[in-house]
Amino acid sequence: MFCLVALQITVHVMERALDFYVKLFLRVRAVLEAASAEARNLVYLWGLKTTDIDRLFK
């Protein structure tokens, strides 16, 4: 159970960092916009909310 909590926290920190880089670098944004459905599913399985993910793809 503790490992799951630690994993969730790590993933959320990674999401925040990714969001920051998307705002900072246009090339990162282009890569994320080109991401496949499989990539979106993987992020969903990590437990991120769709609102967090959709914010990255806008």
PDB file of N, CA and C in Angstrom:
ATOM      1  N   MET A   1       0.828  -1.192   0.000  1.00  0.00           N
ATOM      2  CA  MET A   1       0.000   0.000   0.000  1.00  0.00           C
ATOM      3  C   MET A   1       0.873   1.256   0.000  1.00  0.00           C
ATOM      4  N   PHE A   2       1.929   1.252   0.812  1.00  0.00           N
ATOM      5  CA  PHE A   2       2.809   2.418   0.868  1.00  0.00           C
ATOM      6  C   PHE A   2       3.468   2.675  -0.488  1.00  0.00           C
ATOM      7  N   CYS A   3       3.844   1.597  -1.173  1.00  0.00           N
ATOM      8  CA  CYS A   3       4.478   1.753  -2.492  1.00  0.00           C
ATOM      9  C   CYS A   3       3.520   2.389  -3.485  1.00  0.00           C
ATOM     10  N   LEU A   4       2.252   2.039  -3.407  1.00  0.00           N
ATOM     11  CA  LEU A   4       1.255   2.619  -4.303  1.00  0.00           C
ATOM     12  C   LEU A   4       1.116   4.116  -4.055  1.00  0.00           C
ATOM     13  N   VAL A   5       1.105   4.512  -2.800  1.00  0.00           N
ATOM     14  CA  VAL A   5       1.019   5.935  -2.459  1.00  0.00           C
ATOM     15  C   VAL A   5       2.254   6.675  -2.968  1.00  0.00           C
ATOM     16  N   ALA A   6       3.412   6.099  -2.770  1.00  0.00           N
ATOM     17  CA  ALA A   6       4.650   6.726  -3.241  1.00  0.00           C
ATOM     18  C   ALA A   6       4.653   6.845  -4.763  1.00  0.00           C
ATOM     19  N   LEU A   7       4.156   5.825  -5.445  1.00  0.00           N
ATOM     20  CA  LEU A   7       4.083   5.863  -6.905  1.00  0.00           C
ATOM     21  C   LEU A   7       3.133   6.963  -7.372  1.00  0.00           C
ATOM     22  N   GLN A   8       1.984   7.075  -6.727  1.00  0.00           N
ATOM     23  CA  GLN A   8       1.015   8.120  -7.088  1.00  0.00           C
ATOM     24  C   GLN A   8       1.626   9.504  -6.915  1.00  0.00           C
ATOM     25  N   ILE A   9       2.317   9.718  -5.822  1.00  0.00           N
ATOM     26  CA  ILE A   9       2.945  11.020  -5.569  1.00  0.00           C
ATOM     27  C   ILE A   9       3.996  11.308  -6.634  1.00  0.00           C
ATOM     28  N   THR A  10       4.802  10.315  -6.958  1.00  0.00           N
ATOM     29  CA  THR A  10       5.834  10.491  -7.979  1.00  0.00           C
ATOM     30  C   THR A  10       5.226  10.838  -9.329  1.00  0.00           C
ATOM     31  N   VAL A  11       4.166  10.161  -9.691  1.00  0.00           N
ATOM     32  CA  VAL A  11       3.513  10.421 -10.973  1.00  0.00           C
ATOM     33  C   VAL A  11       2.933  11.829 -11.008  1.00  0.00           C
ATOM     34  N   HIS A  12       2.334  12.263  -9.925  1.00  0.00           N
ATOM     35  CA  HIS A  12       1.776  13.611  -9.891  1.00  0.00           C
ATOM     36  C   HIS A  12       2.871  14.674  -9.965  1.00  0.00           C
ATOM     37  N   VAL A  13       3.991  14.428  -9.332  1.00  0.00           N
ATOM     38  CA  VAL A  13       5.116  15.365  -9.433  1.00  0.00           C
ATOM     39  C   VAL A  13       5.622  15.405 -10.873  1.00  0.00           C
ATOM     40  N   MET A  14       5.706  14.241 -11.511  1.00  0.00           N
ATOM     41  CA  MET A  14       6.128  14.191 -12.907  1.00  0.00           C
ATOM     42  C   MET A  14       5.157  14.950 -13.800  1.00  0.00           C
ATOM     43  N   GLU A  15       3.869  14.835 -13.525  1.00  0.00           N
ATOM     44  CA  GLU A  15       2.860  15.536 -14.320  1.00  0.00           C
ATOM     45  C   GLU A  15       3.022  17.035 -14.191  1.00  0.00           C
ATOM     46  N   ARG A  16       3.283  17.507 -12.997  1.00  0.00           N
ATOM     47  CA  ARG A  16       3.482  18.950 -12.781  1.00  0.00           C
ATOM     48  C   ARG A  16       4.722  19.435 -13.526  1.00  0.00           C
ATOM     49  N   ALA A  17       5.785  18.651 -13.492  1.00  0.00           N
ATOM     50  CA  ALA A  17       7.006  19.024 -14.208  1.00  0.00           C
ATOM     51  C   ALA A  17       6.759  19.037 -15.713  1.00  0.00           C
ATOM     52  N   LEU A  18       6.028  18.048 -16.204  1.00  0.00           N
ATOM     53  CA  LEU A  18       5.702  17.984 -17.621  1.00  0.00           C
ATOM     54  C   LEU A  18       4.861  19.176 -18.043  1.00  0.00           C
ATOM     55  N   ASP A  19       3.900  19.535 -17.223  1.00  0.00           N
ATOM     56  CA  ASP A  19       3.065  20.703 -17.499  1.00  0.00           C
ATOM     57  C   ASP A  19       3.924  21.963 -17.586  1.00  0.00           C
ATOM     58  N   PHE A  20       4.885  22.087 -16.701  1.00  0.00           N
ATOM     59  CA  PHE A  20       5.789  23.239 -16.708  1.00  0.00           C
ATOM     60  C   PHE A  20       6.604  23.283 -18.001  1.00  0.00           C
ATOM     61  N   TYR A  21       7.146  22.131 -18.410  1.00  0.00           N
ATOM     62  CA  TYR A  21       7.954  22.080 -19.633  1.00  0.00           C
ATOM     63  C   TYR A  21       7.120  22.341 -20.879  1.00  0.00           C
ATOM     64  N   VAL A  22       5.861  21.891 -20.876  1.00  0.00           N
ATOM     65  CA  VAL A  22       4.982  22.160 -22.017  1.00  0.00           C
ATOM     66  C   VAL A  22       4.787  23.659 -22.181  1.00  0.00           C
ATOM     67  N   LYS A  23       4.629  24.346 -21.077  1.00  0.00           N
ATOM     68  CA  LYS A  23       4.459  25.797 -21.146  1.00  0.00           C
ATOM     69  C   LYS A  23       5.757  26.487 -21.560  1.00  0.00           C
ATOM     70  N   LEU A  24       6.876  25.895 -21.227  1.00  0.00           N
ATOM     71  CA  LEU A  24       8.172  26.515 -21.468  1.00  0.00           C
ATOM     72  C   LEU A  24       8.699  26.266 -22.886  1.00  0.00           C
ATOM     73  N   PHE A  25       8.502  25.055 -23.384  1.00  0.00           N
ATOM     74  CA  PHE A  25       9.081  24.676 -24.671  1.00  0.00           C
ATOM     75  C   PHE A  25       7.993  24.227 -25.644  1.00  0.00           C
ATOM     76  N   LEU A  26       7.940  24.866 -26.794  1.00  0.00           N
ATOM     77  CA  LEU A  26       6.919  24.541 -27.790  1.00  0.00           C
ATOM     78  C   LEU A  26       7.123  23.152 -28.395  1.00  0.00           C
ATOM     79  N   ARG A  27       8.370  22.705 -28.489  1.00  0.00           N
ATOM     80  CA  ARG A  27       8.630  21.385 -29.071  1.00  0.00           C
ATOM     81  C   ARG A  27       8.040  20.276 -28.200  1.00  0.00           C
ATOM     82  N   VAL A  28       8.117  20.421 -26.899  1.00  0.00           N
ATOM     83  CA  VAL A  28       7.524  19.431 -25.988  1.00  0.00           C
ATOM     84  C   VAL A  28       6.022  19.380 -26.203  1.00  0.00           C
ATOM     85  N   ARG A  29       5.421  20.538 -26.369  1.00  0.00           N
ATOM     86  CA  ARG A  29       3.981  20.590 -26.618  1.00  0.00           C
ATOM     87  C   ARG A  29       3.629  19.829 -27.898  1.00  0.00           C
ATOM     88  N   ALA A  30       4.418  20.005 -28.939  1.00  0.00           N
ATOM     89  CA  ALA A  30       4.163  19.311 -30.202  1.00  0.00           C
ATOM     90  C   ALA A  30       4.256  17.793 -30.031  1.00  0.00           C
ATOM     91  N   VAL A  31       5.217  17.336 -29.248  1.00  0.00           N
ATOM     92  CA  VAL A  31       5.365  15.897 -29.004  1.00  0.00           C
ATOM     93  C   VAL A  31       4.149  15.360 -28.264  1.00  0.00           C
ATOM     94  N   LEU A  32       3.699  16.075 -27.253  1.00  0.00           N
ATOM     95  CA  LEU A  32       2.544  15.613 -26.490  1.00  0.00           C
ATOM     96  C   LEU A  32       1.271  15.639 -27.322  1.00  0.00           C
ATOM     97  N   GLU A  33       1.142  16.624 -28.192  1.00  0.00           N
ATOM     98  CA  GLU A  33      -0.042  16.681 -29.050  1.00  0.00           C
ATOM     99  C   GLU A  33      -0.062  15.521 -30.036  1.00  0.00           C
ATOM    100  N   ALA A  34       1.106  15.013 -30.399  1.00  0.00           N
ATOM    101  CA  ALA A  34       1.198  13.903 -31.341  1.00  0.00           C
ATOM    102  C   ALA A  34       1.135  12.541 -30.648  1.00  0.00           C
ATOM    103  N   ALA A  35       0.967  12.520 -29.351  1.00  0.00           N
ATOM    104  CA  ALA A  35       0.957  11.260 -28.603  1.00  0.00           C
ATOM    105  C   ALA A  35      -0.220  10.389 -29.033  1.00  0.00           C
ATOM    106  N   SER A  36       0.014   9.106 -29.019  1.00  0.00           N
ATOM    107  CA  SER A  36      -1.003   8.147 -29.445  1.00  0.00           C
ATOM    108  C   SER A  36      -2.012   7.877 -28.334  1.00  0.00           C
ATOM    109  N   ALA A  37      -3.048   7.168 -28.708  1.00  0.00           N
ATOM    110  CA  ALA A  37      -4.064   6.772 -27.732  1.00  0.00           C
ATOM    111  C   ALA A  37      -3.462   5.854 -26.671  1.00  0.00           C
ATOM    112  N   GLU A  38      -2.476   5.047 -27.067  1.00  0.00           N
ATOM    113  CA  GLU A  38      -1.821   4.155 -26.107  1.00  0.00           C
ATOM    114  C   GLU A  38      -1.102   4.955 -25.030  1.00  0.00           C
ATOM    115  N   ALA A  39      -0.489   6.053 -25.422  1.00  0.00           N
ATOM    116  CA  ALA A  39       0.190   6.902 -24.438  1.00  0.00           C
ATOM    117  C   ALA A  39      -0.817   7.497 -23.467  1.00  0.00           C
ATOM    118  N   ARG A  40      -1.950   7.920 -23.977  1.00  0.00           N
ATOM    119  CA  ARG A  40      -2.991   8.462 -23.096  1.00  0.00           C
ATOM    120  C   ARG A  40      -3.504   7.382 -22.148  1.00  0.00           C
ATOM    121  N   ASN A  41      -3.669   6.170 -22.652  1.00  0.00           N
ATOM    122  CA  ASN A  41      -4.130   5.071 -21.796  1.00  0.00           C
ATOM    123  C   ASN A  41      -3.119   4.760 -20.704  1.00  0.00           C
ATOM    124  N   LEU A  42      -1.842   4.806 -21.033  1.00  0.00           N
ATOM    125  CA  LEU A  42      -0.801   4.555 -20.036  1.00  0.00           C
ATOM    126  C   LEU A  42      -0.866   5.589 -18.921  1.00  0.00           C
ATOM    127  N   VAL A  43      -1.035   6.838 -19.297  1.00  0.00           N
ATOM    128  CA  VAL A  43      -1.133   7.897 -18.296  1.00  0.00           C
ATOM    129  C   VAL A  43      -2.387   7.693 -17.448  1.00  0.00           C
ATOM    130  N   TYR A  44      -3.466   7.251 -18.080  1.00  0.00           N
ATOM    131  CA  TYR A  44      -4.692   6.973 -17.329  1.00  0.00           C
ATOM    132  C   TYR A  44      -4.450   5.855 -16.312  1.00  0.00           C
ATOM    133  N   LEU A  45      -3.741   4.829 -16.721  1.00  0.00           N
ATOM    134  CA  LEU A  45      -3.459   3.720 -15.811  1.00  0.00           C
ATOM    135  C   LEU A  45      -2.576   4.153 -14.647  1.00  0.00           C
ATOM    136  N   TRP A  46      -1.769   5.192 -14.833  1.00  0.00           N
ATOM    137  CA  TRP A  46      -0.950   5.716 -13.749  1.00  0.00           C
ATOM    138  C   TRP A  46      -1.801   6.397 -12.692  1.00  0.00           C
ATOM    139  N   GLY A  47      -3.055   6.686 -13.021  1.00  0.00           N
ATOM    140  CA  GLY A  47      -3.950   7.257 -12.025  1.00  0.00           C
ATOM    141  C   GLY A  47      -4.118   8.757 -12.093  1.00  0.00           C
ATOM    142  N   LEU A  48      -3.654   9.384 -13.161  1.00  0.00           N
ATOM    143  CA  LEU A  48      -3.864  10.823 -13.278  1.00  0.00           C
ATOM    144  C   LEU A  48      -5.298  11.093 -13.710  1.00  0.00           C
ATOM    145  N   LYS A  49      -5.814  12.207 -13.284  1.00  0.00           N
ATOM    146  CA  LYS A  49      -7.167  12.588 -13.668  1.00  0.00           C
ATOM    147  C   LYS A  49      -7.168  13.066 -15.113  1.00  0.00           C
ATOM    148  N   THR A  50      -8.292  12.872 -15.778  1.00  0.00           N
ATOM    149  CA  THR A  50      -8.371  13.319 -17.169  1.00  0.00           C
ATOM    150  C   THR A  50      -8.242  14.825 -17.284  1.00  0.00           C
ATOM    151  N   THR A  51      -8.671  15.552 -16.280  1.00  0.00           N
ATOM    152  CA  THR A  51      -8.519  17.009 -16.346  1.00  0.00           C
ATOM    153  C   THR A  51      -7.043  17.389 -16.322  1.00  0.00           C
ATOM    154  N   ASP A  52      -6.240  16.647 -15.571  1.00  0.00           N
ATOM    155  CA  ASP A  52      -4.795  16.899 -15.551  1.00  0.00           C
ATOM    156  C   ASP A  52      -4.177  16.597 -16.908  1.00  0.00           C
ATOM    157  N   ILE A  53      -4.596  15.497 -17.502  1.00  0.00           N
ATOM    158  CA  ILE A  53      -4.025  15.084 -18.778  1.00  0.00           C
ATOM    159  C   ILE A  53      -4.499  15.986 -19.903  1.00  0.00           C
ATOM    160  N   ASP A  54      -5.788  16.283 -19.949  1.00  0.00           N
ATOM    161  CA  ASP A  54      -6.313  17.131 -21.020  1.00  0.00           C
ATOM    162  C   ASP A  54      -5.667  18.503 -21.009  1.00  0.00           C
ATOM    163  N   ARG A  55      -5.324  18.977 -19.850  1.00  0.00           N
ATOM    164  CA  ARG A  55      -4.648  20.270 -19.751  1.00  0.00           C
ATOM    165  C   ARG A  55      -3.312  20.235 -20.494  1.00  0.00           C
ATOM    166  N   LEU A  56      -2.654  19.082 -20.497  1.00  0.00           N
ATOM    167  CA  LEU A  56      -1.378  18.951 -21.198  1.00  0.00           C
ATOM    168  C   LEU A  56      -1.548  18.944 -22.710  1.00  0.00           C
ATOM    169  N   PHE A  57      -2.684  18.450 -23.178  1.00  0.00           N
ATOM    170  CA  PHE A  57      -2.880  18.285 -24.607  1.00  0.00           C
ATOM    171  C   PHE A  57      -3.577  19.471 -25.259  1.00  0.00           C
ATOM    172  N   LYS A  58      -3.884  20.505 -24.501  1.00  0.00           N
ATOM    173  CA  LYS A  58      -4.558  21.677 -25.072  1.00  0.00           C
ATOM    174  C   LYS A  58      -3.571  22.668 -25.590  1.00  0.00           C
TER     175      LYS A  58
END
